[in-house]
Amino acid sequence: GVVASGDRDLCAMQARLMADLEHGRNINKSKYTDALVACPVELIYHNVKYRVLVERTSPISYTLRYKQWRADVMVRPLSDGGRLVWLDGRTHVLYATWNAAEQLVLCVDGHTVEFEQEYDPSNITATMPGKLVKILIQNGQHIEKGAAFAEIEVMKMYMPLVVPESGVIDVVAQQGSILQIGQSIARLQLDDPSQVNKASIYEKASFPCMSEPEKTSVR
């Protein structure tokens, strides 16, 4: 999962740089200097949050770092959109997809893994890009779970934005603004604060050692 996320983010940053160069835009060195070669990745699995730094060491290789732990990885794209990954003496075929809420679903060697996301209904964020065309409530108003508090325009269609839980709402995005995925739209003071589910952070000194690659006989 870290390999897929890091590869996607670093390749996307490189593509943005190339687009800026092709269109003759001024290049902000502080924006690209570090972001082209390293990016932090956070993934949640079984309610544990893992934080790993992904460093690009060549066009097809990366180094993964966590405290004193490190691993070198090689990644090659496949014609069908997958990736061929070399890690610790093994090769793996992986396919990664992200939904509108940026939740990663990973298929590795035919096994599917769905990474989790923290559930924090007190922070309502955009799950798709669009224009915030209308705010339907007043800040400080109490609103019930499932009720609409705003409208968003997506591809010329109007869709309601609803609150995931009951509470007192405070809309922080401006009416008429363009929303990006993950952008905060509103804060919700929950009637039941226990609805927030935060993952615990992995803080051990290292990751468990991987077993030795299995030897295959040739007949």
N, C-alpha and C. Protein backbone atom coordinates (compact mmCIF):
# COMPACT_ATOMS: atom_id res chain seq x y z
N GLY A 1 0.81 -1.21 0.00
CA GLY A 1 0.00 0.00 0.00
C GLY A 1 0.85 1.26 0.00
N VAL A 2 1.92 1.25 0.80
CA VAL A 2 2.82 2.41 0.83
C VAL A 2 3.47 2.62 -0.52
N VAL A 3 3.88 1.52 -1.16
CA VAL A 3 4.52 1.62 -2.48
C VAL A 3 3.56 2.22 -3.50
N ALA A 4 2.32 1.72 -3.52
CA ALA A 4 1.34 2.22 -4.48
C ALA A 4 1.03 3.69 -4.25
N SER A 5 0.83 4.07 -2.99
CA SER A 5 0.49 5.47 -2.68
C SER A 5 1.65 6.41 -2.98
N GLY A 6 2.86 6.02 -2.57
CA GLY A 6 4.02 6.86 -2.83
C GLY A 6 4.31 7.00 -4.31
N ASP A 7 4.21 5.90 -5.05
CA ASP A 7 4.44 5.93 -6.50
C ASP A 7 3.43 6.85 -7.18
N ARG A 8 2.17 6.75 -6.80
CA ARG A 8 1.14 7.60 -7.40
C ARG A 8 1.40 9.08 -7.10
N ASP A 9 1.69 9.40 -5.84
CA ASP A 9 1.86 10.81 -5.46
C ASP A 9 3.10 11.43 -6.10
N LEU A 10 4.21 10.68 -6.13
CA LEU A 10 5.43 11.23 -6.71
C LEU A 10 5.32 11.36 -8.23
N CYS A 11 4.66 10.40 -8.87
CA CYS A 11 4.46 10.50 -10.32
C CYS A 11 3.52 11.66 -10.66
N ALA A 12 2.51 11.88 -9.81
CA ALA A 12 1.59 13.00 -10.04
C ALA A 12 2.31 14.33 -9.89
N MET A 13 3.20 14.44 -8.91
CA MET A 13 3.96 15.67 -8.74
C MET A 13 4.87 15.93 -9.93
N GLN A 14 5.50 14.87 -10.45
CA GLN A 14 6.34 15.02 -11.63
C GLN A 14 5.52 15.45 -12.84
N ALA A 15 4.32 14.91 -12.98
CA ALA A 15 3.45 15.29 -14.09
C ALA A 15 3.04 16.75 -13.99
N ARG A 16 2.78 17.23 -12.76
CA ARG A 16 2.42 18.65 -12.59
C ARG A 16 3.59 19.55 -12.96
N LEU A 17 4.81 19.14 -12.60
CA LEU A 17 5.98 19.93 -12.97
C LEU A 17 6.13 20.00 -14.47
N MET A 18 5.98 18.86 -15.16
CA MET A 18 6.11 18.85 -16.62
C MET A 18 5.04 19.71 -17.27
N ALA A 19 3.83 19.70 -16.72
CA ALA A 19 2.75 20.53 -17.27
C ALA A 19 3.08 22.00 -17.09
N ASP A 20 3.63 22.37 -15.93
CA ASP A 20 4.02 23.77 -15.71
C ASP A 20 5.10 24.19 -16.69
N LEU A 21 6.07 23.31 -16.95
CA LEU A 21 7.14 23.64 -17.89
C LEU A 21 6.61 23.76 -19.31
N GLU A 22 5.71 22.86 -19.71
CA GLU A 22 5.17 22.90 -21.07
C GLU A 22 4.34 24.15 -21.32
N HIS A 23 3.69 24.66 -20.27
CA HIS A 23 2.85 25.85 -20.42
C HIS A 23 3.59 27.14 -20.09
N GLY A 24 4.90 27.03 -19.81
CA GLY A 24 5.70 28.21 -19.57
C GLY A 24 5.41 28.91 -18.26
N ARG A 25 4.88 28.18 -17.29
CA ARG A 25 4.56 28.81 -16.00
C ARG A 25 5.83 28.98 -15.17
N ASN A 26 5.80 29.95 -14.27
CA ASN A 26 6.91 30.13 -13.35
C ASN A 26 6.97 28.95 -12.39
N ILE A 27 8.16 28.43 -12.19
CA ILE A 27 8.34 27.26 -11.34
C ILE A 27 8.68 27.69 -9.92
N ASN A 28 7.86 27.25 -8.99
CA ASN A 28 8.10 27.51 -7.57
C ASN A 28 9.02 26.42 -7.04
N LYS A 29 10.32 26.77 -6.86
CA LYS A 29 11.28 25.74 -6.45
C LYS A 29 10.93 25.12 -5.11
N SER A 30 10.42 25.91 -4.18
CA SER A 30 10.08 25.37 -2.86
C SER A 30 8.95 24.36 -2.94
N LYS A 31 8.11 24.49 -3.96
CA LYS A 31 6.98 23.57 -4.14
C LYS A 31 7.46 22.21 -4.62
N TYR A 32 8.50 22.19 -5.47
CA TYR A 32 8.89 20.96 -6.13
C TYR A 32 10.17 20.32 -5.58
N THR A 33 11.06 21.10 -4.96
CA THR A 33 12.39 20.60 -4.61
C THR A 33 12.33 19.28 -3.84
N ASP A 34 11.59 19.25 -2.75
CA ASP A 34 11.50 18.04 -1.95
C ASP A 34 10.37 17.12 -2.41
N ALA A 35 9.29 17.70 -2.90
CA ALA A 35 8.11 16.90 -3.25
C ALA A 35 8.34 15.98 -4.44
N LEU A 36 9.38 16.24 -5.24
CA LEU A 36 9.67 15.37 -6.38
C LEU A 36 10.42 14.10 -5.97
N VAL A 37 11.04 14.11 -4.80
CA VAL A 37 11.88 12.98 -4.42
C VAL A 37 11.43 12.28 -3.14
N ALA A 38 10.51 12.84 -2.39
CA ALA A 38 10.08 12.21 -1.15
C ALA A 38 8.66 12.64 -0.80
N CYS A 39 7.91 11.71 -0.23
CA CYS A 39 6.57 12.04 0.24
C CYS A 39 6.20 11.12 1.40
N PRO A 40 5.56 11.68 2.43
CA PRO A 40 5.08 10.85 3.54
C PRO A 40 3.77 10.18 3.16
N VAL A 41 3.62 8.93 3.59
CA VAL A 41 2.40 8.17 3.31
C VAL A 41 1.81 7.69 4.64
N GLU A 42 0.52 7.87 4.81
CA GLU A 42 -0.19 7.36 5.98
C GLU A 42 -1.26 6.37 5.51
N LEU A 43 -1.26 5.18 6.10
CA LEU A 43 -2.28 4.18 5.79
C LEU A 43 -2.79 3.58 7.09
N ILE A 44 -4.07 3.25 7.11
CA ILE A 44 -4.69 2.65 8.29
C ILE A 44 -5.14 1.24 7.95
N TYR A 45 -4.69 0.28 8.76
CA TYR A 45 -5.07 -1.11 8.57
C TYR A 45 -5.35 -1.72 9.94
N HIS A 46 -6.52 -2.34 10.07
CA HIS A 46 -6.96 -2.90 11.35
C HIS A 46 -6.90 -1.86 12.47
N ASN A 47 -7.33 -0.63 12.12
CA ASN A 47 -7.43 0.50 13.06
C ASN A 47 -6.07 0.94 13.62
N VAL A 48 -5.00 0.64 12.89
CA VAL A 48 -3.65 1.11 13.25
C VAL A 48 -3.13 1.96 12.10
N LYS A 49 -2.64 3.16 12.43
CA LYS A 49 -2.12 4.08 11.41
C LYS A 49 -0.61 3.92 11.28
N TYR A 50 -0.16 3.65 10.04
CA TYR A 50 1.26 3.49 9.73
C TYR A 50 1.72 4.71 8.94
N ARG A 51 2.88 5.26 9.35
CA ARG A 51 3.45 6.42 8.66
C ARG A 51 4.82 6.05 8.13
N VAL A 52 4.98 6.13 6.82
CA VAL A 52 6.23 5.72 6.16
C VAL A 52 6.64 6.81 5.17
N LEU A 53 7.93 7.10 5.11
CA LEU A 53 8.45 8.06 4.14
C LEU A 53 8.91 7.30 2.90
N VAL A 54 8.45 7.75 1.74
CA VAL A 54 8.83 7.15 0.46
C VAL A 54 9.78 8.09 -0.25
N GLU A 55 10.99 7.62 -0.54
CA GLU A 55 11.99 8.42 -1.25
C GLU A 55 12.27 7.81 -2.61
N ARG A 56 12.23 8.64 -3.63
CA ARG A 56 12.55 8.17 -4.98
C ARG A 56 14.06 8.20 -5.17
N THR A 57 14.63 7.07 -5.54
CA THR A 57 16.08 6.97 -5.75
C THR A 57 16.46 6.83 -7.22
N SER A 58 15.50 6.52 -8.07
CA SER A 58 15.69 6.47 -9.52
C SER A 58 14.30 6.46 -10.15
N PRO A 59 14.20 6.53 -11.47
CA PRO A 59 12.86 6.52 -12.08
C PRO A 59 12.04 5.29 -11.74
N ILE A 60 12.69 4.17 -11.34
CA ILE A 60 11.93 2.95 -11.06
C ILE A 60 12.19 2.39 -9.65
N SER A 61 12.90 3.13 -8.82
CA SER A 61 13.22 2.59 -7.50
C SER A 61 12.91 3.59 -6.39
N TYR A 62 12.59 3.03 -5.22
CA TYR A 62 12.25 3.83 -4.05
C TYR A 62 12.91 3.23 -2.81
N THR A 63 13.10 4.06 -1.80
CA THR A 63 13.48 3.60 -0.48
C THR A 63 12.37 3.97 0.49
N LEU A 64 11.91 2.98 1.26
CA LEU A 64 10.89 3.20 2.27
C LEU A 64 11.57 3.34 3.61
N ARG A 65 11.18 4.34 4.41
CA ARG A 65 11.82 4.58 5.70
C ARG A 65 10.79 4.75 6.80
N TYR A 66 11.10 4.11 7.94
CA TYR A 66 10.33 4.30 9.16
C TYR A 66 11.30 4.16 10.33
N LYS A 67 11.57 5.27 11.03
CA LYS A 67 12.56 5.29 12.11
C LYS A 67 13.87 4.66 11.60
N GLN A 68 14.33 3.55 12.23
CA GLN A 68 15.57 2.91 11.81
C GLN A 68 15.36 1.86 10.71
N TRP A 69 14.10 1.57 10.38
CA TRP A 69 13.79 0.56 9.38
C TRP A 69 13.84 1.18 7.98
N ARG A 70 14.29 0.39 7.02
CA ARG A 70 14.27 0.83 5.62
C ARG A 70 14.15 -0.38 4.71
N ALA A 71 13.62 -0.16 3.53
CA ALA A 71 13.50 -1.21 2.53
C ALA A 71 13.63 -0.57 1.16
N ASP A 72 14.34 -1.24 0.27
CA ASP A 72 14.51 -0.76 -1.10
C ASP A 72 13.53 -1.50 -2.01
N VAL A 73 12.91 -0.76 -2.90
CA VAL A 73 11.85 -1.29 -3.75
C VAL A 73 12.08 -0.86 -5.19
N MET A 74 11.77 -1.75 -6.12
CA MET A 74 11.74 -1.40 -7.54
C MET A 74 10.32 -1.56 -8.06
N VAL A 75 9.89 -0.64 -8.88
CA VAL A 75 8.51 -0.64 -9.39
C VAL A 75 8.53 -0.43 -10.89
N ARG A 76 7.82 -1.30 -11.61
CA ARG A 76 7.67 -1.13 -13.05
C ARG A 76 6.18 -1.16 -13.39
N PRO A 77 5.73 -0.19 -14.21
CA PRO A 77 4.32 -0.20 -14.60
C PRO A 77 4.02 -1.33 -15.58
N LEU A 78 2.81 -1.88 -15.47
CA LEU A 78 2.35 -2.91 -16.39
C LEU A 78 1.37 -2.31 -17.39
N SER A 79 1.23 -2.93 -18.53
CA SER A 79 0.39 -2.38 -19.60
C SER A 79 -1.08 -2.31 -19.22
N ASP A 80 -1.51 -3.12 -18.23
CA ASP A 80 -2.92 -3.12 -17.83
C ASP A 80 -3.21 -2.22 -16.64
N GLY A 81 -2.24 -1.36 -16.28
CA GLY A 81 -2.44 -0.42 -15.19
C GLY A 81 -1.92 -0.89 -13.85
N GLY A 82 -1.44 -2.12 -13.79
CA GLY A 82 -0.88 -2.63 -12.54
C GLY A 82 0.57 -2.24 -12.37
N ARG A 83 1.19 -2.75 -11.33
CA ARG A 83 2.60 -2.49 -11.06
C ARG A 83 3.28 -3.81 -10.71
N LEU A 84 4.49 -3.99 -11.22
CA LEU A 84 5.33 -5.12 -10.83
C LEU A 84 6.33 -4.60 -9.81
N VAL A 85 6.31 -5.18 -8.61
CA VAL A 85 7.09 -4.66 -7.48
C VAL A 85 8.11 -5.70 -7.03
N TRP A 86 9.38 -5.27 -6.87
CA TRP A 86 10.42 -6.10 -6.27
C TRP A 86 10.65 -5.59 -4.85
N LEU A 87 10.47 -6.46 -3.86
CA LEU A 87 10.65 -6.08 -2.46
C LEU A 87 11.19 -7.27 -1.68
N ASP A 88 12.34 -7.08 -1.03
CA ASP A 88 12.94 -8.12 -0.19
C ASP A 88 13.07 -9.46 -0.91
N GLY A 89 13.58 -9.42 -2.13
CA GLY A 89 13.84 -10.66 -2.86
C GLY A 89 12.62 -11.30 -3.48
N ARG A 90 11.47 -10.64 -3.41
CA ARG A 90 10.25 -11.19 -3.99
C ARG A 90 9.70 -10.23 -5.05
N THR A 91 8.94 -10.78 -5.96
CA THR A 91 8.21 -9.95 -6.92
C THR A 91 6.72 -10.09 -6.64
N HIS A 92 6.03 -8.99 -6.77
CA HIS A 92 4.59 -8.98 -6.53
C HIS A 92 3.92 -8.19 -7.66
N VAL A 93 2.72 -8.62 -8.03
CA VAL A 93 1.91 -7.86 -8.97
C VAL A 93 0.79 -7.19 -8.17
N LEU A 94 0.73 -5.88 -8.26
CA LEU A 94 -0.30 -5.18 -7.49
C LEU A 94 -1.11 -4.24 -8.36
N TYR A 95 -2.36 -4.10 -7.96
CA TYR A 95 -3.29 -3.18 -8.60
C TYR A 95 -3.90 -2.32 -7.50
N ALA A 96 -3.87 -1.02 -7.69
CA ALA A 96 -4.35 -0.10 -6.67
C ALA A 96 -5.42 0.80 -7.25
N THR A 97 -6.50 0.97 -6.50
CA THR A 97 -7.56 1.91 -6.88
C THR A 97 -7.92 2.75 -5.67
N TRP A 98 -8.32 3.99 -5.93
CA TRP A 98 -8.76 4.91 -4.87
C TRP A 98 -10.17 5.37 -5.20
N ASN A 99 -11.06 5.33 -4.21
CA ASN A 99 -12.41 5.81 -4.46
C ASN A 99 -12.47 7.32 -4.29
N ALA A 100 -13.68 7.87 -4.38
CA ALA A 100 -13.83 9.34 -4.32
C ALA A 100 -13.38 9.90 -2.98
N ALA A 101 -13.42 9.09 -1.94
CA ALA A 101 -12.99 9.54 -0.62
C ALA A 101 -11.52 9.23 -0.36
N GLU A 102 -10.78 8.86 -1.43
CA GLU A 102 -9.36 8.57 -1.35
C GLU A 102 -9.06 7.34 -0.47
N GLN A 103 -9.98 6.40 -0.45
CA GLN A 103 -9.75 5.14 0.27
C GLN A 103 -9.09 4.16 -0.69
N LEU A 104 -7.99 3.57 -0.26
CA LEU A 104 -7.19 2.68 -1.10
C LEU A 104 -7.68 1.25 -1.01
N VAL A 105 -7.92 0.64 -2.17
CA VAL A 105 -8.20 -0.79 -2.27
C VAL A 105 -7.07 -1.40 -3.09
N LEU A 106 -6.39 -2.37 -2.50
CA LEU A 106 -5.17 -2.93 -3.09
C LEU A 106 -5.37 -4.41 -3.37
N CYS A 107 -4.98 -4.82 -4.56
CA CYS A 107 -4.97 -6.24 -4.92
C CYS A 107 -3.51 -6.64 -5.14
N VAL A 108 -2.99 -7.53 -4.28
CA VAL A 108 -1.60 -7.97 -4.34
C VAL A 108 -1.57 -9.47 -4.59
N ASP A 109 -1.03 -9.86 -5.73
CA ASP A 109 -0.93 -11.28 -6.09
C ASP A 109 -2.27 -11.99 -5.95
N GLY A 110 -3.33 -11.30 -6.32
CA GLY A 110 -4.66 -11.90 -6.29
C GLY A 110 -5.40 -11.77 -4.98
N HIS A 111 -4.76 -11.20 -3.95
CA HIS A 111 -5.39 -11.00 -2.64
C HIS A 111 -5.77 -9.52 -2.49
N THR A 112 -7.01 -9.26 -2.11
CA THR A 112 -7.50 -7.89 -1.99
C THR A 112 -7.45 -7.40 -0.56
N VAL A 113 -6.90 -6.20 -0.38
CA VAL A 113 -6.81 -5.56 0.93
C VAL A 113 -7.46 -4.19 0.83
N GLU A 114 -8.37 -3.89 1.75
CA GLU A 114 -9.02 -2.58 1.76
C GLU A 114 -8.54 -1.81 2.98
N PHE A 115 -7.84 -0.73 2.74
CA PHE A 115 -7.35 0.09 3.84
C PHE A 115 -8.48 0.95 4.39
N GLU A 116 -8.37 1.27 5.65
CA GLU A 116 -9.45 1.96 6.35
C GLU A 116 -9.21 3.46 6.38
N GLN A 117 -10.23 4.16 6.79
CA GLN A 117 -10.12 5.59 7.03
C GLN A 117 -10.69 5.91 8.40
N GLU A 118 -10.12 6.90 9.04
CA GLU A 118 -10.65 7.33 10.33
C GLU A 118 -12.04 7.92 10.13
N TYR A 119 -12.91 7.63 11.06
CA TYR A 119 -14.27 8.18 11.00
C TYR A 119 -14.37 9.34 11.97
N ASP A 120 -14.37 10.53 11.40
CA ASP A 120 -14.47 11.74 12.21
C ASP A 120 -15.59 12.62 11.65
N PRO A 121 -16.84 12.35 12.04
CA PRO A 121 -17.96 13.12 11.50
C PRO A 121 -17.97 14.57 11.94
N SER A 122 -17.09 14.94 12.88
CA SER A 122 -17.05 16.34 13.31
C SER A 122 -16.40 17.24 12.27
N ASN A 123 -15.68 16.63 11.31
CA ASN A 123 -15.04 17.39 10.24
C ASN A 123 -15.60 16.89 8.91
N ILE A 124 -16.50 17.66 8.32
CA ILE A 124 -17.14 17.27 7.07
C ILE A 124 -16.30 17.77 5.91
N THR A 125 -15.82 16.87 5.08
CA THR A 125 -14.93 17.22 3.97
C THR A 125 -15.56 16.84 2.64
N ALA A 126 -15.03 17.41 1.58
CA ALA A 126 -15.52 17.13 0.23
C ALA A 126 -15.03 15.77 -0.24
N THR A 127 -15.93 14.95 -0.74
CA THR A 127 -15.56 13.65 -1.28
C THR A 127 -15.43 13.67 -2.80
N MET A 128 -15.76 14.82 -3.41
CA MET A 128 -15.61 14.99 -4.85
C MET A 128 -15.43 16.48 -5.13
N PRO A 129 -14.77 16.82 -6.23
CA PRO A 129 -14.62 18.23 -6.56
C PRO A 129 -15.93 18.82 -7.09
N GLY A 130 -16.16 20.09 -6.80
CA GLY A 130 -17.36 20.74 -7.29
C GLY A 130 -17.48 22.14 -6.73
N LYS A 131 -18.56 22.81 -7.09
CA LYS A 131 -18.81 24.18 -6.64
C LYS A 131 -19.87 24.17 -5.54
N LEU A 132 -19.57 24.83 -4.43
CA LEU A 132 -20.53 24.97 -3.33
C LEU A 132 -21.50 26.09 -3.71
N VAL A 133 -22.66 25.72 -4.23
CA VAL A 133 -23.56 26.71 -4.82
C VAL A 133 -24.51 27.33 -3.80
N LYS A 134 -24.85 26.60 -2.73
CA LYS A 134 -25.84 27.15 -1.80
C LYS A 134 -25.67 26.53 -0.42
N ILE A 135 -25.68 27.38 0.61
CA ILE A 135 -25.68 26.92 2.01
C ILE A 135 -27.10 27.03 2.53
N LEU A 136 -27.62 25.94 3.07
CA LEU A 136 -29.04 25.86 3.41
C LEU A 136 -29.35 26.16 4.87
N ILE A 137 -28.34 26.31 5.71
CA ILE A 137 -28.57 26.48 7.14
C ILE A 137 -27.80 27.69 7.66
N GLN A 138 -28.04 28.03 8.91
CA GLN A 138 -27.30 29.10 9.57
C GLN A 138 -26.23 28.47 10.47
N ASN A 139 -25.07 29.10 10.55
CA ASN A 139 -24.04 28.61 11.46
C ASN A 139 -24.56 28.65 12.90
N GLY A 140 -24.24 27.61 13.64
CA GLY A 140 -24.72 27.50 15.01
C GLY A 140 -26.05 26.80 15.12
N GLN A 141 -26.61 26.39 13.99
CA GLN A 141 -27.91 25.71 13.98
C GLN A 141 -27.73 24.22 14.29
N HIS A 142 -28.66 23.64 15.03
CA HIS A 142 -28.65 22.20 15.28
C HIS A 142 -29.27 21.50 14.08
N ILE A 143 -28.65 20.40 13.67
CA ILE A 143 -29.11 19.68 12.50
C ILE A 143 -29.07 18.19 12.78
N GLU A 144 -30.07 17.48 12.25
CA GLU A 144 -30.20 16.05 12.50
C GLU A 144 -29.43 15.23 11.47
N LYS A 145 -29.01 14.05 11.88
CA LYS A 145 -28.28 13.14 11.01
C LYS A 145 -29.04 12.91 9.70
N GLY A 146 -28.31 13.03 8.55
CA GLY A 146 -28.91 12.80 7.24
C GLY A 146 -29.57 14.01 6.62
N ALA A 147 -29.64 15.13 7.35
CA ALA A 147 -30.27 16.34 6.81
C ALA A 147 -29.28 17.10 5.93
N ALA A 148 -29.79 17.73 4.88
CA ALA A 148 -28.95 18.50 3.96
C ALA A 148 -28.61 19.86 4.57
N PHE A 149 -27.33 20.26 4.42
CA PHE A 149 -26.92 21.58 4.92
C PHE A 149 -26.40 22.47 3.80
N ALA A 150 -26.19 21.90 2.60
CA ALA A 150 -25.68 22.70 1.47
C ALA A 150 -25.93 21.93 0.18
N GLU A 151 -25.71 22.63 -0.94
CA GLU A 151 -25.81 22.02 -2.26
C GLU A 151 -24.50 22.23 -3.01
N ILE A 152 -24.09 21.20 -3.75
CA ILE A 152 -22.86 21.28 -4.53
C ILE A 152 -23.20 20.98 -6.00
N GLU A 153 -22.54 21.69 -6.90
CA GLU A 153 -22.72 21.45 -8.33
C GLU A 153 -21.55 20.62 -8.84
N VAL A 154 -21.86 19.46 -9.39
CA VAL A 154 -20.85 18.55 -9.94
C VAL A 154 -21.27 18.19 -11.36
N MET A 155 -20.45 18.57 -12.34
CA MET A 155 -20.73 18.27 -13.75
C MET A 155 -22.16 18.68 -14.13
N LYS A 156 -22.54 19.93 -13.75
CA LYS A 156 -23.83 20.54 -14.06
C LYS A 156 -25.01 19.86 -13.37
N MET A 157 -24.72 19.03 -12.37
CA MET A 157 -25.78 18.41 -11.58
C MET A 157 -25.70 18.94 -10.16
N TYR A 158 -26.86 19.15 -9.53
CA TYR A 158 -26.91 19.66 -8.17
C TYR A 158 -27.15 18.50 -7.21
N MET A 159 -26.30 18.43 -6.19
CA MET A 159 -26.39 17.33 -5.23
C MET A 159 -26.39 17.90 -3.82
N PRO A 160 -27.19 17.32 -2.90
CA PRO A 160 -27.21 17.81 -1.52
C PRO A 160 -26.01 17.29 -0.74
N LEU A 161 -25.54 18.09 0.19
CA LEU A 161 -24.53 17.65 1.16
C LEU A 161 -25.25 17.44 2.48
N VAL A 162 -25.09 16.25 3.06
CA VAL A 162 -25.81 15.92 4.28
C VAL A 162 -24.83 15.69 5.43
N VAL A 163 -25.31 15.87 6.65
CA VAL A 163 -24.46 15.66 7.82
C VAL A 163 -24.47 14.17 8.19
N PRO A 164 -23.31 13.61 8.54
CA PRO A 164 -23.25 12.18 8.88
C PRO A 164 -23.79 11.84 10.26
N GLU A 165 -23.84 12.84 11.15
CA GLU A 165 -24.35 12.65 12.51
C GLU A 165 -25.07 13.91 12.95
N SER A 166 -25.78 13.81 14.05
CA SER A 166 -26.52 14.98 14.58
C SER A 166 -25.58 15.88 15.39
N GLY A 167 -25.83 17.19 15.32
CA GLY A 167 -25.03 18.12 16.09
C GLY A 167 -25.25 19.56 15.65
N VAL A 168 -24.44 20.45 16.20
CA VAL A 168 -24.49 21.88 15.86
C VAL A 168 -23.44 22.14 14.79
N ILE A 169 -23.86 22.74 13.68
CA ILE A 169 -22.99 22.85 12.51
C ILE A 169 -22.43 24.26 12.35
N ASP A 170 -21.20 24.31 11.80
CA ASP A 170 -20.54 25.57 11.47
C ASP A 170 -19.89 25.39 10.11
N VAL A 171 -20.46 25.99 9.07
CA VAL A 171 -19.92 25.86 7.71
C VAL A 171 -18.72 26.78 7.56
N VAL A 172 -17.58 26.21 7.16
CA VAL A 172 -16.34 26.99 7.05
C VAL A 172 -16.00 27.33 5.60
N ALA A 173 -16.55 26.59 4.63
CA ALA A 173 -16.32 26.90 3.22
C ALA A 173 -17.25 28.03 2.78
N GLN A 174 -16.80 28.83 1.83
CA GLN A 174 -17.58 29.97 1.36
C GLN A 174 -18.52 29.55 0.24
N GLN A 175 -19.74 30.08 0.29
CA GLN A 175 -20.68 29.82 -0.79
C GLN A 175 -20.10 30.35 -2.10
N GLY A 176 -20.18 29.54 -3.15
CA GLY A 176 -19.62 29.91 -4.45
C GLY A 176 -18.19 29.44 -4.67
N SER A 177 -17.56 28.91 -3.62
CA SER A 177 -16.17 28.46 -3.75
C SER A 177 -16.10 27.10 -4.44
N ILE A 178 -14.95 26.82 -5.03
CA ILE A 178 -14.68 25.54 -5.68
C ILE A 178 -14.04 24.61 -4.67
N LEU A 179 -14.67 23.47 -4.44
CA LEU A 179 -14.18 22.52 -3.45
C LEU A 179 -13.29 21.47 -4.10
N GLN A 180 -12.23 21.12 -3.39
CA GLN A 180 -11.35 20.04 -3.82
C GLN A 180 -11.55 18.84 -2.89
N ILE A 181 -11.23 17.66 -3.39
CA ILE A 181 -11.38 16.45 -2.58
C ILE A 181 -10.58 16.58 -1.29
N GLY A 182 -11.21 16.29 -0.18
CA GLY A 182 -10.55 16.37 1.12
C GLY A 182 -10.64 17.72 1.80
N GLN A 183 -11.13 18.74 1.08
CA GLN A 183 -11.22 20.08 1.67
C GLN A 183 -12.32 20.12 2.73
N SER A 184 -12.06 20.81 3.83
CA SER A 184 -13.04 20.92 4.90
C SER A 184 -14.19 21.84 4.47
N ILE A 185 -15.42 21.36 4.67
CA ILE A 185 -16.61 22.14 4.32
C ILE A 185 -17.28 22.69 5.57
N ALA A 186 -17.37 21.85 6.60
CA ALA A 186 -18.08 22.27 7.81
C ALA A 186 -17.55 21.52 9.02
N ARG A 187 -17.73 22.13 10.19
CA ARG A 187 -17.41 21.50 11.47
C ARG A 187 -18.72 21.19 12.18
N LEU A 188 -18.73 20.06 12.87
CA LEU A 188 -19.94 19.61 13.53
C LEU A 188 -19.63 19.32 15.00
N GLN A 189 -20.30 20.05 15.89
CA GLN A 189 -20.20 19.76 17.32
C GLN A 189 -21.20 18.66 17.61
N LEU A 190 -20.69 17.46 17.79
CA LEU A 190 -21.53 16.27 17.83
C LEU A 190 -22.36 16.19 19.10
N ASP A 191 -23.60 15.70 18.94
CA ASP A 191 -24.41 15.37 20.11
C ASP A 191 -23.77 14.23 20.89
N ASP A 192 -23.15 13.31 20.14
CA ASP A 192 -22.50 12.15 20.75
C ASP A 192 -21.04 12.11 20.31
N PRO A 193 -20.12 12.70 21.07
CA PRO A 193 -18.71 12.74 20.67
C PRO A 193 -18.06 11.37 20.52
N SER A 194 -18.66 10.33 21.09
CA SER A 194 -18.08 8.99 20.99
C SER A 194 -18.18 8.44 19.57
N GLN A 195 -18.90 9.14 18.67
CA GLN A 195 -18.99 8.70 17.28
C GLN A 195 -17.65 8.80 16.55
N VAL A 196 -16.74 9.62 17.07
CA VAL A 196 -15.42 9.78 16.44
C VAL A 196 -14.59 8.53 16.69
N ASN A 197 -14.04 7.96 15.61
CA ASN A 197 -13.22 6.76 15.73
C ASN A 197 -11.84 7.05 15.14
N LYS A 198 -10.85 7.26 16.02
CA LYS A 198 -9.49 7.56 15.61
C LYS A 198 -8.63 6.29 15.68
N ALA A 199 -7.78 6.11 14.67
CA ALA A 199 -6.86 4.97 14.66
C ALA A 199 -5.69 5.23 15.60
N SER A 200 -5.18 4.16 16.20
CA SER A 200 -3.96 4.28 17.01
C SER A 200 -2.75 4.30 16.10
N ILE A 201 -1.72 5.05 16.48
CA ILE A 201 -0.53 5.22 15.64
C ILE A 201 0.49 4.13 15.96
N TYR A 202 1.01 3.49 14.92
CA TYR A 202 2.06 2.48 15.08
C TYR A 202 3.34 3.18 15.52
N GLU A 203 3.85 2.82 16.70
CA GLU A 203 5.00 3.53 17.25
C GLU A 203 6.15 2.59 17.64
N LYS A 204 6.10 1.34 17.23
CA LYS A 204 7.20 0.43 17.54
C LYS A 204 8.47 0.88 16.82
N ALA A 205 9.61 0.38 17.27
CA ALA A 205 10.89 0.83 16.72
C ALA A 205 11.09 0.42 15.27
N SER A 206 10.45 -0.67 14.85
CA SER A 206 10.64 -1.17 13.49
C SER A 206 9.44 -1.99 13.09
N PHE A 207 9.45 -2.45 11.85
CA PHE A 207 8.44 -3.39 11.38
C PHE A 207 8.97 -4.81 11.53
N PRO A 208 8.09 -5.80 11.65
CA PRO A 208 8.55 -7.19 11.72
C PRO A 208 9.35 -7.57 10.48
N CYS A 209 10.36 -8.42 10.68
CA CYS A 209 11.19 -8.87 9.55
C CYS A 209 10.35 -9.78 8.65
N MET A 210 10.57 -9.64 7.37
CA MET A 210 9.89 -10.51 6.42
C MET A 210 10.63 -11.84 6.36
N SER A 211 9.90 -12.91 6.11
CA SER A 211 10.52 -14.23 6.01
C SER A 211 11.35 -14.33 4.75
N GLU A 212 12.26 -15.30 4.72
CA GLU A 212 13.11 -15.49 3.55
C GLU A 212 12.27 -15.91 2.35
N PRO A 213 12.67 -15.50 1.15
CA PRO A 213 11.93 -15.92 -0.04
C PRO A 213 11.95 -17.43 -0.17
N GLU A 214 10.81 -18.00 -0.59
CA GLU A 214 10.75 -19.44 -0.80
C GLU A 214 11.51 -19.83 -2.06
N LYS A 215 12.28 -20.92 -1.97
CA LYS A 215 13.01 -21.40 -3.12
C LYS A 215 12.12 -22.32 -3.93
N THR A 216 12.12 -22.08 -5.22
CA THR A 216 11.31 -22.91 -6.11
C THR A 216 12.21 -23.86 -6.84
N SER A 217 11.78 -25.12 -6.92
CA SER A 217 12.60 -26.12 -7.61
C SER A 217 12.36 -26.06 -9.10
N VAL A 218 13.40 -26.35 -9.84
CA VAL A 218 13.30 -26.36 -11.30
C VAL A 218 13.50 -27.78 -11.77
N ARG A 219 12.51 -28.31 -12.43
CA ARG A 219 12.59 -29.70 -12.90
C ARG A 219 12.59 -29.73 -14.42
